[in-house]
Amino acid sequence: MEVMSGRELYSQLRIFRERRHKPAQELTETLIKKHRTIATAESCTGGLISKMITDAAGASEVFHCGVCSYSNDIKESILGVKRETLEKYGAVSSQTALEMAQGVRRIAGADIGLSTTGIAGPGGGSADKPVGLVYIGLCTERASDFIRMELWDVAVTRDEVRNLSAAAAVLAVYKSLLNK
């Protein structure tokens, strides 16, 4: 598990900007080189990760599918998130993010499952789960892990939360591939 603030994410994304590269293009090229495939399950990002990946040249070689699972019914019926998980921890939780990533990996037959679930705002937040809280789930054949994003230090609008979350998710997969 990793906890990342918006400031830390900006710092990591700056490397790509300085090299004038796009994280999704780098991810796609790395997936191709490593003969890996990916599928996404997105709640708060609403398909942004899928768009970022499919905007990259070569995506058809590595991208299996994207499921926009905004409702709990879809999380449960399509992705296989347990009702007990949703009731006990809620849709915005590390447990749900992991089950979403595992589910999309399974249904797509992909090497990597990637998920996002969070509170983009402007409403919907609470003291325990404020606007800007996002969980990213990452599942491979070897392991499952999550990142807790705390974006309230830099993201003030719904679009900022969603776009930063999508970029963080792409970056997380990219970094995990480099570490293997």
Protein backbone atom coordinates (compact mmCIF):
# COMPACT_ATOMS: atom_id res chain seq x y z
CA MET A 1 0.00 0.00 0.00
CA GLU A 2 1.13 3.49 -0.82
CA VAL A 3 -0.31 6.82 0.24
CA MET A 4 0.31 9.68 -2.16
CA SER A 5 -0.57 13.35 -1.90
CA GLY A 6 -1.34 15.54 -4.86
CA ARG A 7 1.98 17.35 -4.44
CA GLU A 8 3.89 14.06 -4.64
CA LEU A 9 1.95 13.10 -7.77
CA TYR A 10 2.72 16.43 -9.43
CA SER A 11 6.40 15.88 -8.68
CA GLN A 12 6.37 12.43 -10.30
CA LEU A 13 4.42 13.63 -13.35
CA ARG A 14 6.89 16.51 -13.87
CA ILE A 15 9.48 13.99 -15.09
CA PHE A 16 7.24 13.13 -18.04
CA ARG A 17 6.52 16.79 -18.80
CA GLU A 18 10.22 17.63 -18.77
CA ARG A 19 10.90 14.83 -21.25
CA ARG A 20 7.81 15.89 -23.23
CA HIS A 21 6.40 12.39 -22.97
CA LYS A 22 2.91 11.32 -22.11
CA PRO A 23 2.59 8.74 -19.33
CA ALA A 24 -0.01 6.71 -21.25
CA GLN A 25 2.22 6.49 -24.33
CA GLU A 26 5.14 5.37 -22.15
CA LEU A 27 2.87 2.82 -20.47
CA THR A 28 1.61 1.47 -23.79
CA GLU A 29 5.12 1.12 -25.19
CA THR A 30 6.26 -0.64 -22.00
CA LEU A 31 3.28 -3.02 -22.09
CA ILE A 32 4.10 -3.88 -25.72
CA LYS A 33 7.80 -4.49 -24.92
CA LYS A 34 6.91 -6.69 -21.95
CA HIS A 35 4.11 -8.54 -23.77
CA ARG A 36 1.53 -7.57 -21.16
CA THR A 37 -2.12 -6.64 -21.49
CA ILE A 38 -4.31 -4.40 -19.36
CA ALA A 39 -7.98 -3.85 -18.55
CA THR A 40 -9.54 -1.06 -16.49
CA ALA A 41 -12.47 -0.72 -14.11
CA GLU A 42 -13.22 2.95 -13.48
CA SER A 43 -15.65 4.59 -11.14
CA CYS A 44 -14.65 8.18 -10.28
CA THR A 45 -12.50 8.54 -13.41
CA GLY A 46 -15.42 7.54 -15.63
CA GLY A 47 -13.37 6.16 -18.53
CA LEU A 48 -10.52 8.69 -18.51
CA ILE A 49 -7.87 6.00 -18.05
CA SER A 50 -9.28 4.01 -20.95
CA LYS A 51 -9.22 7.16 -23.06
CA MET A 52 -5.63 7.96 -22.10
CA ILE A 53 -4.48 4.45 -23.01
CA THR A 54 -6.43 4.25 -26.27
CA ASP A 55 -5.12 7.69 -27.30
CA ALA A 56 -1.64 6.12 -27.38
CA ALA A 57 -0.34 4.53 -30.55
CA GLY A 58 -0.25 0.74 -30.25
CA ALA A 59 -2.98 0.51 -27.62
CA SER A 60 -4.89 -2.13 -29.57
CA GLU A 61 -2.03 -4.55 -28.89
CA VAL A 62 -2.31 -4.26 -25.11
CA PHE A 63 -5.69 -2.84 -24.07
CA HIS A 64 -8.43 -5.44 -23.57
CA CYS A 65 -11.32 -3.42 -22.20
CA GLY A 66 -12.52 -0.69 -19.91
CA VAL A 67 -15.54 -1.02 -17.63
CA CYS A 68 -17.08 2.20 -16.39
CA SER A 69 -18.50 0.87 -13.13
CA TYR A 70 -19.99 3.97 -11.59
CA SER A 71 -22.84 2.20 -9.81
CA ASN A 72 -22.48 -0.38 -7.07
CA ASP A 73 -24.79 -2.70 -9.03
CA ILE A 74 -22.27 -2.81 -11.89
CA LYS A 75 -19.36 -3.21 -9.50
CA GLU A 76 -21.16 -6.21 -8.06
CA SER A 77 -22.81 -7.83 -11.12
CA ILE A 78 -20.10 -7.28 -13.75
CA LEU A 79 -16.86 -7.01 -11.77
CA GLY A 80 -17.76 -9.40 -8.96
CA VAL A 81 -17.22 -6.99 -6.07
CA LYS A 82 -18.81 -8.66 -3.05
CA ARG A 83 -21.93 -7.06 -1.63
CA GLU A 84 -20.40 -7.56 1.82
CA THR A 85 -17.38 -5.48 0.78
CA LEU A 86 -19.58 -2.64 -0.43
CA GLU A 87 -21.74 -2.75 2.70
CA LYS A 88 -18.86 -2.99 5.17
CA TYR A 89 -16.27 -0.68 3.57
CA GLY A 90 -18.24 1.29 0.96
CA ALA A 91 -17.62 1.89 -2.72
CA VAL A 92 -14.72 4.21 -1.91
CA SER A 93 -12.31 1.88 -0.16
CA SER A 94 -9.13 -0.05 -0.74
CA GLN A 95 -11.07 -3.30 -0.52
CA THR A 96 -13.46 -2.27 -3.29
CA ALA A 97 -10.62 -0.96 -5.47
CA LEU A 98 -8.80 -4.29 -5.18
CA GLU A 99 -11.89 -6.36 -5.96
CA MET A 100 -12.63 -4.12 -8.97
CA ALA A 101 -9.08 -4.61 -10.30
CA GLN A 102 -9.23 -8.36 -9.72
CA GLY A 103 -12.65 -8.55 -11.37
CA VAL A 104 -11.75 -6.66 -14.53
CA ARG A 105 -8.54 -8.64 -14.90
CA ARG A 106 -10.52 -11.87 -14.62
CA ILE A 107 -13.35 -10.99 -17.02
CA ALA A 108 -10.97 -9.52 -19.62
CA GLY A 109 -8.32 -12.22 -19.35
CA ALA A 110 -5.72 -9.43 -19.07
CA ASP A 111 -2.36 -9.60 -17.34
CA ILE A 112 -3.09 -6.43 -15.38
CA GLY A 113 -6.30 -5.13 -13.85
CA LEU A 114 -6.41 -1.44 -12.92
CA SER A 115 -9.21 0.31 -11.03
CA THR A 116 -10.18 3.65 -9.54
CA THR A 117 -12.84 4.54 -7.02
CA GLY A 118 -13.08 7.81 -5.16
CA ILE A 119 -14.87 11.02 -4.34
CA ALA A 120 -14.45 13.59 -7.09
CA GLY A 121 -16.79 16.16 -5.57
CA PRO A 122 -17.92 18.76 -5.22
CA GLY A 123 -20.38 16.93 -2.96
CA GLY A 124 -20.38 13.44 -1.53
CA GLY A 125 -17.47 13.83 0.84
CA SER A 126 -17.46 13.28 4.60
CA ALA A 127 -15.01 13.66 7.47
CA ASP A 128 -13.86 10.04 6.95
CA LYS A 129 -13.91 10.18 3.16
CA PRO A 130 -13.34 13.76 1.97
CA VAL A 131 -13.53 15.00 -1.60
CA GLY A 132 -10.21 14.12 -3.21
CA LEU A 133 -9.90 10.67 -1.63
CA VAL A 134 -9.25 8.12 -4.35
CA TYR A 135 -8.17 4.48 -4.27
CA ILE A 136 -6.32 2.90 -7.16
CA GLY A 137 -6.34 -0.89 -7.36
CA LEU A 138 -3.69 -2.82 -9.26
CA CYS A 139 -3.85 -6.56 -9.81
CA THR A 140 -1.46 -8.88 -11.65
CA GLU A 141 -1.01 -12.63 -11.74
CA ARG A 142 1.45 -12.32 -8.85
CA ALA A 143 0.01 -9.68 -6.55
CA SER A 144 -2.67 -7.14 -5.78
CA ASP A 145 -2.03 -3.76 -4.21
CA PHE A 146 -3.60 -0.34 -3.87
CA ILE A 147 -2.68 3.30 -3.62
CA ARG A 148 -4.57 5.75 -1.44
CA MET A 149 -4.57 9.15 -3.14
CA GLU A 150 -5.14 12.20 -0.96
CA LEU A 151 -5.66 14.92 -3.53
CA TRP A 152 -7.27 17.59 -1.39
CA ASP A 153 -3.96 19.44 -1.14
CA VAL A 154 -3.96 20.34 -4.86
CA ALA A 155 -7.24 19.34 -6.50
CA VAL A 156 -10.08 21.74 -5.97
CA THR A 157 -12.42 20.87 -8.80
CA ARG A 158 -14.10 17.67 -9.87
CA ASP A 159 -12.13 17.66 -13.13
CA GLU A 160 -8.84 18.05 -11.27
CA VAL A 161 -9.60 15.09 -8.99
CA ARG A 162 -10.61 12.93 -11.94
CA ASN A 163 -7.70 13.89 -14.20
CA LEU A 164 -5.08 13.56 -11.47
CA SER A 165 -6.52 10.19 -10.45
CA ALA A 166 -6.36 8.90 -14.01
CA ALA A 167 -2.77 10.12 -14.41
CA ALA A 168 -1.80 8.55 -11.07
CA ALA A 169 -3.31 5.21 -12.10
CA VAL A 170 -1.40 5.17 -15.40
CA LEU A 171 1.77 6.14 -13.56
CA ALA A 172 1.24 3.37 -10.98
CA VAL A 173 1.07 0.67 -13.65
CA TYR A 174 4.06 2.12 -15.47
CA LYS A 175 6.15 2.15 -12.30
CA SER A 176 5.10 -1.40 -11.42
CA LEU A 177 6.23 -2.63 -14.84
CA LEU A 178 9.60 -0.91 -14.50
CA ASN A 179 10.14 -2.63 -11.15
CA LYS A 180 9.80 -6.08 -12.71
